Amino acid sequence: MRRRDWLGGCVAGTALAAVSACSRRKASSLEKIRVAAPRRLTASSLYLADELGFLREAGFDPEIGRVGNSLNSMALLAGGKMDVLFGPASTAFLNAVLKGLPLRIVAGREVASPTCGYVGAIYGMRRTFPRGLADLAQLRGKRVATGPAVGLAQFALDAHLARAGLSTQDVTMVSLDFSQSVAALLGGGVDAVVGADDFDRDLTSLASSIVHTVGLAQLYPNFQYAYIIFGQTLLAADPERGARFLSAYLRGAREFARGRTPRFMEEFARANRLDLTQARTVCRNSFAPDGAIDLNSLRLFADWAARRKHIPRRVEVSELVDDRFLRRAHAS
């Protein structure tokens, strides 16, 4: 796979027939589709769909690029510079929809699984929390890293603090991305970190001196926190186009759930100095293999955003979702 700002190109097969078929598809009139997704293990199902050629079989020449910050991603989607976004729930998305921008959730992806993963857990150093983090009242007055944009990390932190009779007013939230947060935690720049990015990476594996709370799944089992979002180009086109994309992606998601491993996982492990065997055996039941959107999770997040004044008014989930594409994908 050729690497550039957007990743694409034909996936090489191991058999001559596969290579010949790939060449024929390349020579045909494939439609460009620009997909923004995180380069994290959580996006493995998408990369597998690309590597196995499912997107090309559906008629697309995919360009997969990294996700920028939430505001930039929404602007690119709404302006037709990007077609699809794989990303978590965010107040940037809610505000964009409320402003009338052409953005809609079309499928569900990641969930906080009660059986695996650590999304939404709060991590701290044992030197700061010698008795661990079972007593969340210890967070009062502490500096907590929550990520660069208002979204899942703040939602999870709020849920944890509520259990101790606290609110986000009782802590100092620090805006750092995940890698910066980990460095700041280890170096003493912050007291705690909300793990809202690499759900499948327990930070206690970095050092025995790190302690953590339960994850979001213990507060809201199977809470769905990440989605597939279409922008202007797909929302305004014949729904069949978006349905073909979803159908191809879901083929990859099902294969990933069955245990097939994309090369992407191995590349990610090497680049991030992770154990390769551990990366291959990452939890695979924290996805929605059928793309179903859990409206209750979306409503819970949207109501929280309105209650905390992160959006100007309460938004109905019907304003956020367009299920035409998923229905067609399942019907095909």
C-alpha atoms as a PDB file:
ATOM      1  CA  MET A   1       0.000   0.000   0.000  1.00  0.00           C
ATOM      2  CA  ARG A   2       1.497   3.336  -1.009  1.00  0.00           C
ATOM      3  CA  ARG A   3       1.725   5.893   1.794  1.00  0.00           C
ATOM      4  CA  ARG A   4       0.983   9.566   1.389  1.00  0.00           C
ATOM      5  CA  ASP A   5      -1.226  12.127   3.079  1.00  0.00           C
ATOM      6  CA  TRP A   6      -4.083   9.931   1.939  1.00  0.00           C
ATOM      7  CA  LEU A   7      -3.388   6.211   1.646  1.00  0.00           C
ATOM      8  CA  GLY A   8      -4.677   4.187  -1.258  1.00  0.00           C
ATOM      9  CA  GLY A   9      -3.620   2.007  -4.134  1.00  0.00           C
ATOM     10  CA  CYS A  10      -4.215  -1.582  -5.126  1.00  0.00           C
ATOM     11  CA  VAL A  11      -3.615  -4.259  -2.511  1.00  0.00           C
ATOM     12  CA  ALA A  12      -1.174  -6.856  -3.762  1.00  0.00           C
ATOM     13  CA  GLY A  13      -2.474 -10.399  -3.819  1.00  0.00           C
ATOM     14  CA  THR A  14      -0.525 -13.587  -3.286  1.00  0.00           C
ATOM     15  CA  ALA A  15      -1.862 -15.329  -6.367  1.00  0.00           C
ATOM     16  CA  LEU A  16      -1.524 -14.362 -10.019  1.00  0.00           C
ATOM     17  CA  ALA A  17      -5.291 -14.291 -10.431  1.00  0.00           C
ATOM     18  CA  ALA A  18      -5.623 -11.817  -7.592  1.00  0.00           C
ATOM     19  CA  VAL A  19      -2.918  -9.590  -9.118  1.00  0.00           C
ATOM     20  CA  SER A  20      -4.596  -9.714 -12.526  1.00  0.00           C
ATOM     21  CA  ALA A  21      -7.967  -8.864 -11.011  1.00  0.00           C
ATOM     22  CA  CYS A  22      -6.386  -5.976  -9.133  1.00  0.00           C
ATOM     23  CA  SER A  23      -4.907  -4.645 -12.377  1.00  0.00           C
ATOM     24  CA  ARG A  24      -8.248  -4.851 -14.138  1.00  0.00           C
ATOM     25  CA  ARG A  25      -9.936  -2.983 -11.319  1.00  0.00           C
ATOM     26  CA  LYS A  26      -7.208  -0.343 -11.407  1.00  0.00           C
ATOM     27  CA  ALA A  27      -7.721   0.107 -15.124  1.00  0.00           C
ATOM     28  CA  SER A  28     -11.451   0.468 -14.744  1.00  0.00           C
ATOM     29  CA  SER A  29     -13.233   3.657 -13.732  1.00  0.00           C
ATOM     30  CA  LEU A  30     -13.101   3.386  -9.954  1.00  0.00           C
ATOM     31  CA  GLU A  31     -14.613   6.195  -7.907  1.00  0.00           C
ATOM     32  CA  LYS A  32     -12.306   8.080  -5.577  1.00  0.00           C
ATOM     33  CA  ILE A  33     -13.432   8.016  -1.960  1.00  0.00           C
ATOM     34  CA  ARG A  34     -11.569   9.902   0.757  1.00  0.00           C
ATOM     35  CA  VAL A  35     -11.769   8.384   4.223  1.00  0.00           C
ATOM     36  CA  ALA A  36     -10.322   9.886   7.402  1.00  0.00           C
ATOM     37  CA  ALA A  37      -9.602   7.365  10.150  1.00  0.00           C
ATOM     38  CA  PRO A  38      -7.319   7.147  13.176  1.00  0.00           C
ATOM     39  CA  ARG A  39      -4.071   5.219  12.719  1.00  0.00           C
ATOM     40  CA  ARG A  40      -4.825   3.140  15.770  1.00  0.00           C
ATOM     41  CA  LEU A  41      -5.703  -0.474  16.367  1.00  0.00           C
ATOM     42  CA  THR A  42      -9.342   0.536  16.662  1.00  0.00           C
ATOM     43  CA  ALA A  43      -9.425   1.201  12.896  1.00  0.00           C
ATOM     44  CA  SER A  44      -8.150  -2.281  11.962  1.00  0.00           C
ATOM     45  CA  SER A  45     -11.487  -3.356  10.488  1.00  0.00           C
ATOM     46  CA  LEU A  46     -11.336  -0.517   7.944  1.00  0.00           C
ATOM     47  CA  TYR A  47      -7.736  -1.217   6.982  1.00  0.00           C
ATOM     48  CA  LEU A  48      -8.589  -4.901   6.586  1.00  0.00           C
ATOM     49  CA  ALA A  49     -11.465  -4.054   4.230  1.00  0.00           C
ATOM     50  CA  ASP A  50      -8.971  -2.061   2.164  1.00  0.00           C
ATOM     51  CA  GLU A  51      -6.205  -4.675   2.237  1.00  0.00           C
ATOM     52  CA  LEU A  52      -8.573  -7.467   1.184  1.00  0.00           C
ATOM     53  CA  GLY A  53      -9.749  -5.383  -1.767  1.00  0.00           C
ATOM     54  CA  PHE A  54     -13.379  -5.153  -0.638  1.00  0.00           C
ATOM     55  CA  LEU A  55     -13.537  -1.400  -1.237  1.00  0.00           C
ATOM     56  CA  ARG A  56     -12.200  -1.808  -4.768  1.00  0.00           C
ATOM     57  CA  GLU A  57     -14.606  -4.630  -5.469  1.00  0.00           C
ATOM     58  CA  ALA A  58     -17.354  -2.194  -4.491  1.00  0.00           C
ATOM     59  CA  GLY A  59     -16.071   0.229  -7.145  1.00  0.00           C
ATOM     60  CA  PHE A  60     -13.950   2.559  -5.031  1.00  0.00           C
ATOM     61  CA  ASP A  61     -10.372   3.776  -5.216  1.00  0.00           C
ATOM     62  CA  PRO A  62      -9.876   4.447  -1.491  1.00  0.00           C
ATOM     63  CA  GLU A  63      -7.651   7.110  -0.025  1.00  0.00           C
ATOM     64  CA  ILE A  64      -7.348   6.588   3.721  1.00  0.00           C
ATOM     65  CA  GLY A  65      -5.767   9.376   5.719  1.00  0.00           C
ATOM     66  CA  ARG A  66      -5.268  10.288   9.320  1.00  0.00           C
ATOM     67  CA  VAL A  67      -7.950  12.090  11.296  1.00  0.00           C
ATOM     68  CA  GLY A  68      -7.132  15.691  12.145  1.00  0.00           C
ATOM     69  CA  ASN A  69      -8.678  17.547  15.061  1.00  0.00           C
ATOM     70  CA  SER A  70     -12.454  17.444  15.340  1.00  0.00           C
ATOM     71  CA  LEU A  71     -13.111  20.945  14.017  1.00  0.00           C
ATOM     72  CA  ASN A  72     -10.910  20.466  10.949  1.00  0.00           C
ATOM     73  CA  SER A  73     -12.458  17.081  10.223  1.00  0.00           C
ATOM     74  CA  MET A  74     -15.979  18.500  10.338  1.00  0.00           C
ATOM     75  CA  ALA A  75     -15.001  21.381   8.054  1.00  0.00           C
ATOM     76  CA  LEU A  76     -13.429  19.022   5.503  1.00  0.00           C
ATOM     77  CA  LEU A  77     -16.470  16.747   5.550  1.00  0.00           C
ATOM     78  CA  ALA A  78     -18.974  19.552   5.250  1.00  0.00           C
ATOM     79  CA  GLY A  79     -16.960  21.225   2.493  1.00  0.00           C
ATOM     80  CA  GLY A  80     -16.683  18.107   0.355  1.00  0.00           C
ATOM     81  CA  LYS A  81     -12.901  17.772   0.793  1.00  0.00           C
ATOM     82  CA  MET A  82     -13.395  14.463   2.580  1.00  0.00           C
ATOM     83  CA  ASP A  83     -16.161  11.898   2.129  1.00  0.00           C
ATOM     84  CA  VAL A  84     -16.154   9.696   5.240  1.00  0.00           C
ATOM     85  CA  LEU A  85     -14.972  10.099   8.821  1.00  0.00           C
ATOM     86  CA  PHE A  86     -14.330   7.283  11.292  1.00  0.00           C
ATOM     87  CA  GLY A  87     -14.336   8.947  14.676  1.00  0.00           C
ATOM     88  CA  PRO A  88     -15.667   9.156  18.226  1.00  0.00           C
ATOM     89  CA  ALA A  89     -18.657  11.092  19.484  1.00  0.00           C
ATOM     90  CA  SER A  90     -17.724  14.752  19.836  1.00  0.00           C
ATOM     91  CA  THR A  91     -19.349  18.055  20.607  1.00  0.00           C
ATOM     92  CA  ALA A  92     -17.742  19.398  17.413  1.00  0.00           C
ATOM     93  CA  PHE A  93     -19.995  17.062  15.421  1.00  0.00           C
ATOM     94  CA  LEU A  94     -23.085  18.019  17.422  1.00  0.00           C
ATOM     95  CA  ASN A  95     -22.416  21.727  16.989  1.00  0.00           C
ATOM     96  CA  ALA A  96     -21.772  21.305  13.263  1.00  0.00           C
ATOM     97  CA  VAL A  97     -25.137  19.589  12.786  1.00  0.00           C
ATOM     98  CA  LEU A  98     -26.906  22.244  14.834  1.00  0.00           C
ATOM     99  CA  LYS A  99     -25.380  24.874  12.554  1.00  0.00           C
ATOM    100  CA  GLY A 100     -26.945  23.123   9.580  1.00  0.00           C
ATOM    101  CA  LEU A 101     -23.810  21.569   8.117  1.00  0.00           C
ATOM    102  CA  PRO A 102     -24.314  18.429   5.967  1.00  0.00           C
ATOM    103  CA  LEU A 103     -22.967  15.778   8.332  1.00  0.00           C
ATOM    104  CA  ARG A 104     -24.714  12.635   9.578  1.00  0.00           C
ATOM    105  CA  ILE A 105     -23.903   9.446  11.439  1.00  0.00           C
ATOM    106  CA  VAL A 106     -24.574   6.532   9.085  1.00  0.00           C
ATOM    107  CA  ALA A 107     -23.278   3.541  11.054  1.00  0.00           C
ATOM    108  CA  GLY A 108     -22.089   2.591  14.514  1.00  0.00           C
ATOM    109  CA  ARG A 109     -18.617   1.253  15.238  1.00  0.00           C
ATOM    110  CA  GLU A 110     -16.956   0.950  18.639  1.00  0.00           C
ATOM    111  CA  VAL A 111     -18.528   0.093  21.972  1.00  0.00           C
ATOM    112  CA  ALA A 112     -17.248   0.037  25.534  1.00  0.00           C
ATOM    113  CA  SER A 113     -17.238  -3.729  25.947  1.00  0.00           C
ATOM    114  CA  PRO A 114     -17.618  -5.118  29.487  1.00  0.00           C
ATOM    115  CA  THR A 115     -15.351  -8.058  28.568  1.00  0.00           C
ATOM    116  CA  CYS A 116     -12.330  -6.206  27.198  1.00  0.00           C
ATOM    117  CA  GLY A 117     -10.794  -2.806  26.634  1.00  0.00           C
ATOM    118  CA  TYR A 118     -10.113   0.140  28.898  1.00  0.00           C
ATOM    119  CA  VAL A 119     -11.796   3.053  27.186  1.00  0.00           C
ATOM    120  CA  GLY A 120     -12.838   5.735  29.648  1.00  0.00           C
ATOM    121  CA  ALA A 121     -10.671   4.496  32.520  1.00  0.00           C
ATOM    122  CA  ILE A 122      -8.807   7.099  34.582  1.00  0.00           C
ATOM    123  CA  TYR A 123      -5.083   6.444  35.105  1.00  0.00           C
ATOM    124  CA  GLY A 124      -2.739   7.847  37.724  1.00  0.00           C
ATOM    125  CA  MET A 125       0.673   7.161  39.271  1.00  0.00           C
ATOM    126  CA  ARG A 126       0.862   5.041  42.372  1.00  0.00           C
ATOM    127  CA  ARG A 127       3.041   7.693  44.001  1.00  0.00           C
ATOM    128  CA  THR A 128       0.088  10.105  43.722  1.00  0.00           C
ATOM    129  CA  PHE A 129      -2.588   7.530  44.560  1.00  0.00           C
ATOM    130  CA  PRO A 130      -0.838   5.003  46.852  1.00  0.00           C
ATOM    131  CA  ARG A 131      -4.141   3.244  47.642  1.00  0.00           C
ATOM    132  CA  GLY A 132      -5.157   3.080  43.997  1.00  0.00           C
ATOM    133  CA  LEU A 133      -8.103   4.901  42.450  1.00  0.00           C
ATOM    134  CA  ALA A 134     -11.025   3.052  43.968  1.00  0.00           C
ATOM    135  CA  ASP A 135     -11.838   6.187  45.972  1.00  0.00           C
ATOM    136  CA  LEU A 136     -12.474   8.813  43.305  1.00  0.00           C
ATOM    137  CA  ALA A 137     -12.744  11.561  45.918  1.00  0.00           C
ATOM    138  CA  GLN A 138      -8.926  11.645  45.677  1.00  0.00           C
ATOM    139  CA  LEU A 139      -9.277  13.392  42.313  1.00  0.00           C
ATOM    140  CA  ARG A 140     -10.483  16.606  43.935  1.00  0.00           C
ATOM    141  CA  GLY A 141      -8.071  19.396  43.016  1.00  0.00           C
ATOM    142  CA  LYS A 142      -6.023  17.188  40.711  1.00  0.00           C
ATOM    143  CA  ARG A 143      -4.881  17.932  37.134  1.00  0.00           C
ATOM    144  CA  VAL A 144      -6.576  15.536  34.727  1.00  0.00           C
ATOM    145  CA  ALA A 145      -5.665  15.256  31.036  1.00  0.00           C
ATOM    146  CA  THR A 146      -8.791  14.834  28.931  1.00  0.00           C
ATOM    147  CA  GLY A 147      -7.746  15.227  25.297  1.00  0.00           C
ATOM    148  CA  PRO A 148      -7.596  18.159  22.867  1.00  0.00           C
ATOM    149  CA  ALA A 149     -11.337  18.341  22.108  1.00  0.00           C
ATOM    150  CA  VAL A 150     -14.514  18.057  24.184  1.00  0.00           C
ATOM    151  CA  GLY A 151     -15.893  14.584  23.730  1.00  0.00           C
ATOM    152  CA  LEU A 152     -15.621  11.066  25.095  1.00  0.00           C
ATOM    153  CA  ALA A 153     -12.888  11.777  27.666  1.00  0.00           C
ATOM    154  CA  GLN A 154     -14.885  14.554  29.334  1.00  0.00           C
ATOM    155  CA  PHE A 155     -18.046  12.441  29.186  1.00  0.00           C
ATOM    156  CA  ALA A 156     -16.258   9.544  30.898  1.00  0.00           C
ATOM    157  CA  LEU A 157     -14.609  11.804  33.488  1.00  0.00           C
ATOM    158  CA  ASP A 158     -17.962  13.359  34.343  1.00  0.00           C
ATOM    159  CA  ALA A 159     -19.501   9.904  34.814  1.00  0.00           C
ATOM    160  CA  HIS A 160     -16.661   8.794  37.101  1.00  0.00           C
ATOM    161  CA  LEU A 161     -16.720  11.968  39.195  1.00  0.00           C
ATOM    162  CA  ALA A 162     -20.480  11.754  39.676  1.00  0.00           C
ATOM    163  CA  ARG A 163     -19.971   8.443  41.493  1.00  0.00           C
ATOM    164  CA  ALA A 164     -17.935  10.319  44.113  1.00  0.00           C
ATOM    165  CA  GLY A 165     -20.306  13.268  44.337  1.00  0.00           C
ATOM    166  CA  LEU A 166     -17.899  15.451  42.378  1.00  0.00           C
ATOM    167  CA  SER A 167     -18.071  17.306  39.076  1.00  0.00           C
ATOM    168  CA  THR A 168     -15.555  18.554  36.534  1.00  0.00           C
ATOM    169  CA  GLN A 169     -15.486  21.824  38.511  1.00  0.00           C
ATOM    170  CA  ASP A 170     -13.618  19.925  41.228  1.00  0.00           C
ATOM    171  CA  VAL A 171     -10.642  19.077  38.995  1.00  0.00           C
ATOM    172  CA  THR A 172      -8.390  20.999  36.608  1.00  0.00           C
ATOM    173  CA  MET A 173      -8.815  19.607  33.094  1.00  0.00           C
ATOM    174  CA  VAL A 174      -5.729  19.783  30.885  1.00  0.00           C
ATOM    175  CA  SER A 175      -6.028  19.634  27.089  1.00  0.00           C
ATOM    176  CA  LEU A 176      -3.439  17.185  25.707  1.00  0.00           C
ATOM    177  CA  ASP A 177      -3.558  14.472  23.082  1.00  0.00           C
ATOM    178  CA  PHE A 178      -3.107  10.860  24.147  1.00  0.00           C
ATOM    179  CA  SER A 179       0.656  10.543  23.641  1.00  0.00           C
ATOM    180  CA  GLN A 180       1.301  13.883  25.336  1.00  0.00           C
ATOM    181  CA  SER A 181      -0.963  12.861  28.200  1.00  0.00           C
ATOM    182  CA  VAL A 182       0.970   9.663  28.847  1.00  0.00           C
ATOM    183  CA  ALA A 183       4.287  11.539  28.820  1.00  0.00           C
ATOM    184  CA  ALA A 184       2.875  14.177  31.161  1.00  0.00           C
ATOM    185  CA  LEU A 185       1.545  11.502  33.521  1.00  0.00           C
ATOM    186  CA  LEU A 186       4.877   9.688  33.707  1.00  0.00           C
ATOM    187  CA  GLY A 187       6.750  12.971  34.106  1.00  0.00           C
ATOM    188  CA  GLY A 188       4.439  14.459  36.722  1.00  0.00           C
ATOM    189  CA  GLY A 189       2.972  17.170  34.510  1.00  0.00           C
ATOM    190  CA  VAL A 190      -0.549  15.900  35.241  1.00  0.00           C
ATOM    191  CA  ASP A 191      -1.947  13.766  38.043  1.00  0.00           C
ATOM    192  CA  ALA A 192      -4.330  11.633  35.988  1.00  0.00           C
ATOM    193  CA  VAL A 193      -5.269  10.786  32.398  1.00  0.00           C
ATOM    194  CA  VAL A 194      -8.603   9.700  30.950  1.00  0.00           C
ATOM    195  CA  GLY A 195      -7.940   6.893  28.467  1.00  0.00           C
ATOM    196  CA  ALA A 196     -10.252   7.695  25.572  1.00  0.00           C
ATOM    197  CA  ASP A 197      -8.102   6.875  22.542  1.00  0.00           C
ATOM    198  CA  ASP A 198      -6.395   3.490  22.583  1.00  0.00           C
ATOM    199  CA  PHE A 199      -9.166   1.541  24.298  1.00  0.00           C
ATOM    200  CA  ASP A 200      -7.309  -1.704  23.746  1.00  0.00           C
ATOM    201  CA  ARG A 201      -4.135  -0.487  25.439  1.00  0.00           C
ATOM    202  CA  ASP A 202      -4.011  -0.739  29.219  1.00  0.00           C
ATOM    203  CA  LEU A 203      -1.554   1.917  30.373  1.00  0.00           C
ATOM    204  CA  THR A 204      -0.585  -0.235  33.343  1.00  0.00           C
ATOM    205  CA  SER A 205       1.373  -2.301  30.796  1.00  0.00           C
ATOM    206  CA  LEU A 206       3.779   0.659  30.516  1.00  0.00           C
ATOM    207  CA  ALA A 207       4.696   0.662  34.192  1.00  0.00           C
ATOM    208  CA  SER A 208       3.685  -1.222  37.314  1.00  0.00           C
ATOM    209  CA  SER A 209       3.555   2.152  39.050  1.00  0.00           C
ATOM    210  CA  ILE A 210       0.377   3.128  37.133  1.00  0.00           C
ATOM    211  CA  VAL A 211      -3.055   2.524  38.689  1.00  0.00           C
ATOM    212  CA  HIS A 212      -6.496   2.976  37.144  1.00  0.00           C
ATOM    213  CA  THR A 213     -10.240   3.032  37.735  1.00  0.00           C
ATOM    214  CA  VAL A 214     -12.756   0.774  36.033  1.00  0.00           C
ATOM    215  CA  GLY A 215     -13.510   1.573  32.408  1.00  0.00           C
ATOM    216  CA  LEU A 216     -16.565   3.255  30.941  1.00  0.00           C
ATOM    217  CA  ALA A 217     -18.058  -0.184  30.238  1.00  0.00           C
ATOM    218  CA  GLN A 218     -18.561  -0.733  33.961  1.00  0.00           C
ATOM    219  CA  LEU A 219     -20.574   2.491  34.143  1.00  0.00           C
ATOM    220  CA  TYR A 220     -22.429   2.174  30.810  1.00  0.00           C
ATOM    221  CA  PRO A 221     -22.053  -1.381  29.477  1.00  0.00           C
ATOM    222  CA  ASN A 222     -21.736  -1.498  25.676  1.00  0.00           C
ATOM    223  CA  PHE A 223     -21.939   2.276  25.386  1.00  0.00           C
ATOM    224  CA  GLN A 224     -21.357   3.060  21.703  1.00  0.00           C
ATOM    225  CA  TYR A 225     -18.855   5.869  21.376  1.00  0.00           C
ATOM    226  CA  ALA A 226     -17.543   5.847  17.800  1.00  0.00           C
ATOM    227  CA  TYR A 227     -19.287   6.069  14.455  1.00  0.00           C
ATOM    228  CA  ILE A 228     -18.988   6.356  10.692  1.00  0.00           C
ATOM    229  CA  ILE A 229     -19.963   9.846   9.533  1.00  0.00           C
ATOM    230  CA  PHE A 230     -20.755  10.884   5.962  1.00  0.00           C
ATOM    231  CA  GLY A 231     -20.254  14.386   4.665  1.00  0.00           C
ATOM    232  CA  GLN A 232     -21.746  16.461   1.888  1.00  0.00           C
ATOM    233  CA  THR A 233     -20.540  14.399  -1.077  1.00  0.00           C
ATOM    234  CA  LEU A 234     -22.137  11.123   0.006  1.00  0.00           C
ATOM    235  CA  LEU A 235     -25.220  12.589   1.655  1.00  0.00           C
ATOM    236  CA  ALA A 236     -26.132  14.436  -1.544  1.00  0.00           C
ATOM    237  CA  ALA A 237     -25.354  11.536  -3.899  1.00  0.00           C
ATOM    238  CA  ASP A 238     -27.434   8.520  -4.836  1.00  0.00           C
ATOM    239  CA  PRO A 239     -27.743   6.524  -1.577  1.00  0.00           C
ATOM    240  CA  GLU A 240     -26.506   3.467  -3.447  1.00  0.00           C
ATOM    241  CA  ARG A 241     -22.979   4.917  -3.452  1.00  0.00           C
ATOM    242  CA  GLY A 242     -22.808   5.253   0.319  1.00  0.00           C
ATOM    243  CA  ALA A 243     -24.475   1.872   0.741  1.00  0.00           C
ATOM    244  CA  ARG A 244     -21.765   0.232  -1.378  1.00  0.00           C
ATOM    245  CA  PHE A 245     -19.085   1.753   0.822  1.00  0.00           C
ATOM    246  CA  LEU A 246     -20.759   0.570   4.023  1.00  0.00           C
ATOM    247  CA  SER A 247     -21.326  -2.901   2.621  1.00  0.00           C
ATOM    248  CA  ALA A 248     -17.638  -3.211   1.714  1.00  0.00           C
ATOM    249  CA  TYR A 249     -16.523  -1.895   5.111  1.00  0.00           C
ATOM    250  CA  LEU A 250     -18.842  -4.277   6.958  1.00  0.00           C
ATOM    251  CA  ARG A 251     -17.367  -7.225   5.049  1.00  0.00           C
ATOM    252  CA  GLY A 252     -13.999  -6.221   6.456  1.00  0.00           C
ATOM    253  CA  ALA A 253     -15.441  -5.733   9.941  1.00  0.00           C
ATOM    254  CA  ARG A 254     -16.909  -9.234   9.924  1.00  0.00           C
ATOM    255  CA  GLU A 255     -13.619 -10.741   8.749  1.00  0.00           C
ATOM    256  CA  PHE A 256     -11.771  -8.851  11.478  1.00  0.00           C
ATOM    257  CA  ALA A 257     -14.237 -10.107  14.101  1.00  0.00           C
ATOM    258  CA  ARG A 258     -13.605 -13.673  12.866  1.00  0.00           C
ATOM    259  CA  GLY A 259      -9.881 -13.253  13.513  1.00  0.00           C
ATOM    260  CA  ARG A 260      -8.314 -12.094  10.253  1.00  0.00           C
ATOM    261  CA  THR A 261      -5.431  -9.722  10.908  1.00  0.00           C
ATOM    262  CA  PRO A 262      -4.528  -6.839   8.576  1.00  0.00           C
ATOM    263  CA  ARG A 263      -0.905  -5.986   7.862  1.00  0.00           C
ATOM    264  CA  PHE A 264      -1.773  -2.634   9.372  1.00  0.00           C
ATOM    265  CA  MET A 265      -1.842  -4.177  12.880  1.00  0.00           C
ATOM    266  CA  GLU A 266       1.683  -5.519  12.483  1.00  0.00           C
ATOM    267  CA  GLU A 267       2.934  -2.188  11.109  1.00  0.00           C
ATOM    268  CA  PHE A 268       1.236  -0.362  13.986  1.00  0.00           C
ATOM    269  CA  ALA A 269       2.822  -2.686  16.553  1.00  0.00           C
ATOM    270  CA  ARG A 270       6.309  -2.184  15.128  1.00  0.00           C
ATOM    271  CA  ALA A 271       5.903   1.592  14.858  1.00  0.00           C
ATOM    272  CA  ASN A 272       4.642   1.857  18.445  1.00  0.00           C
ATOM    273  CA  ARG A 273       6.967  -0.768  19.932  1.00  0.00           C
ATOM    274  CA  LEU A 274       4.128  -3.016  20.978  1.00  0.00           C
ATOM    275  CA  ASP A 275       4.323  -6.765  21.372  1.00  0.00           C
ATOM    276  CA  LEU A 276       3.312  -8.184  17.967  1.00  0.00           C
ATOM    277  CA  THR A 277       1.516 -11.196  19.438  1.00  0.00           C
ATOM    278  CA  GLN A 278      -0.420  -8.940  21.793  1.00  0.00           C
ATOM    279  CA  ALA A 279      -1.413  -6.672  18.898  1.00  0.00           C
ATOM    280  CA  ARG A 280      -2.683  -9.639  16.850  1.00  0.00           C
ATOM    281  CA  THR A 281      -4.765 -10.931  19.745  1.00  0.00           C
ATOM    282  CA  VAL A 282      -6.356  -7.578  20.553  1.00  0.00           C
ATOM    283  CA  CYS A 283      -9.993  -7.666  21.652  1.00  0.00           C
ATOM    284  CA  ARG A 284     -12.286  -8.023  18.633  1.00  0.00           C
ATOM    285  CA  ASN A 285     -15.749  -7.945  20.190  1.00  0.00           C
ATOM    286  CA  SER A 286     -15.830  -4.204  20.820  1.00  0.00           C
ATOM    287  CA  PHE A 287     -17.153  -3.392  17.337  1.00  0.00           C
ATOM    288  CA  ALA A 288     -20.619  -3.391  15.838  1.00  0.00           C
ATOM    289  CA  PRO A 289     -20.050  -5.884  12.977  1.00  0.00           C
ATOM    290  CA  ASP A 290     -23.436  -5.012  11.474  1.00  0.00           C
ATOM    291  CA  GLY A 291     -22.924  -1.246  11.792  1.00  0.00           C
ATOM    292  CA  ALA A 292     -26.045  -0.861  13.945  1.00  0.00           C
ATOM    293  CA  ILE A 293     -26.370   2.556  15.589  1.00  0.00           C
ATOM    294  CA  ASP A 294     -27.230   2.458  19.284  1.00  0.00           C
ATOM    295  CA  LEU A 295     -29.566   5.425  19.598  1.00  0.00           C
ATOM    296  CA  ASN A 296     -29.640   5.236  23.397  1.00  0.00           C
ATOM    297  CA  SER A 297     -25.854   5.778  23.573  1.00  0.00           C
ATOM    298  CA  LEU A 298     -26.073   8.680  21.151  1.00  0.00           C
ATOM    299  CA  ARG A 299     -28.935  10.227  23.125  1.00  0.00           C
ATOM    300  CA  LEU A 300     -26.989   9.853  26.377  1.00  0.00           C
ATOM    301  CA  PHE A 301     -23.981  11.661  24.923  1.00  0.00           C
ATOM    302  CA  ALA A 302     -26.032  14.400  23.248  1.00  0.00           C
ATOM    303  CA  ASP A 303     -28.046  15.058  26.411  1.00  0.00           C
ATOM    304  CA  TRP A 304     -24.826  15.261  28.436  1.00  0.00           C
ATOM    305  CA  ALA A 305     -23.407  17.803  25.962  1.00  0.00           C
ATOM    306  CA  ALA A 306     -26.540  19.948  26.236  1.00  0.00           C
ATOM    307  CA  ARG A 307     -26.625  19.702  30.028  1.00  0.00           C
ATOM    308  CA  ARG A 308     -22.988  20.806  30.268  1.00  0.00           C
ATOM    309  CA  LYS A 309     -23.623  23.695  27.830  1.00  0.00           C
ATOM    310  CA  HIS A 310     -21.202  22.329  25.243  1.00  0.00           C
ATOM    311  CA  ILE A 311     -23.959  22.779  22.640  1.00  0.00           C
ATOM    312  CA  PRO A 312     -26.562  25.572  22.480  1.00  0.00           C
ATOM    313  CA  ARG A 313     -29.636  23.366  22.790  1.00  0.00           C
ATOM    314  CA  ARG A 314     -30.779  19.803  23.227  1.00  0.00           C
ATOM    315  CA  VAL A 315     -30.545  17.879  19.977  1.00  0.00           C
ATOM    316  CA  GLU A 316     -32.723  14.947  18.936  1.00  0.00           C
ATOM    317  CA  VAL A 317     -30.931  11.851  17.677  1.00  0.00           C
ATOM    318  CA  SER A 318     -33.086  11.970  14.546  1.00  0.00           C
ATOM    319  CA  GLU A 319     -31.202  15.164  13.644  1.00  0.00           C
ATOM    320  CA  LEU A 320     -27.877  13.340  13.856  1.00  0.00           C
ATOM    321  CA  VAL A 321     -28.535  10.082  12.003  1.00  0.00           C
ATOM    322  CA  ASP A 322     -29.236   9.092   8.399  1.00  0.00           C
ATOM    323  CA  ASP A 323     -29.949   5.354   8.176  1.00  0.00           C
ATOM    324  CA  ARG A 324     -30.727   5.179   4.436  1.00  0.00           C
ATOM    325  CA  PHE A 325     -27.275   3.880   3.569  1.00  0.00           C
ATOM    326  CA  LEU A 326     -27.101   1.185   6.238  1.00  0.00           C
ATOM    327  CA  ARG A 327     -30.576  -0.097   5.357  1.00  0.00           C
ATOM    328  CA  ARG A 328     -29.585  -0.381   1.703  1.00  0.00           C
ATOM    329  CA  ALA A 329     -26.290  -2.031   2.609  1.00  0.00           C
ATOM    330  CA  HIS A 330     -28.102  -4.737   4.544  1.00  0.00           C
ATOM    331  CA  ALA A 331     -30.682  -5.171   1.811  1.00  0.00           C
ATOM    332  CA  SER A 332     -28.085  -5.744  -0.915  1.00  0.00           C
END
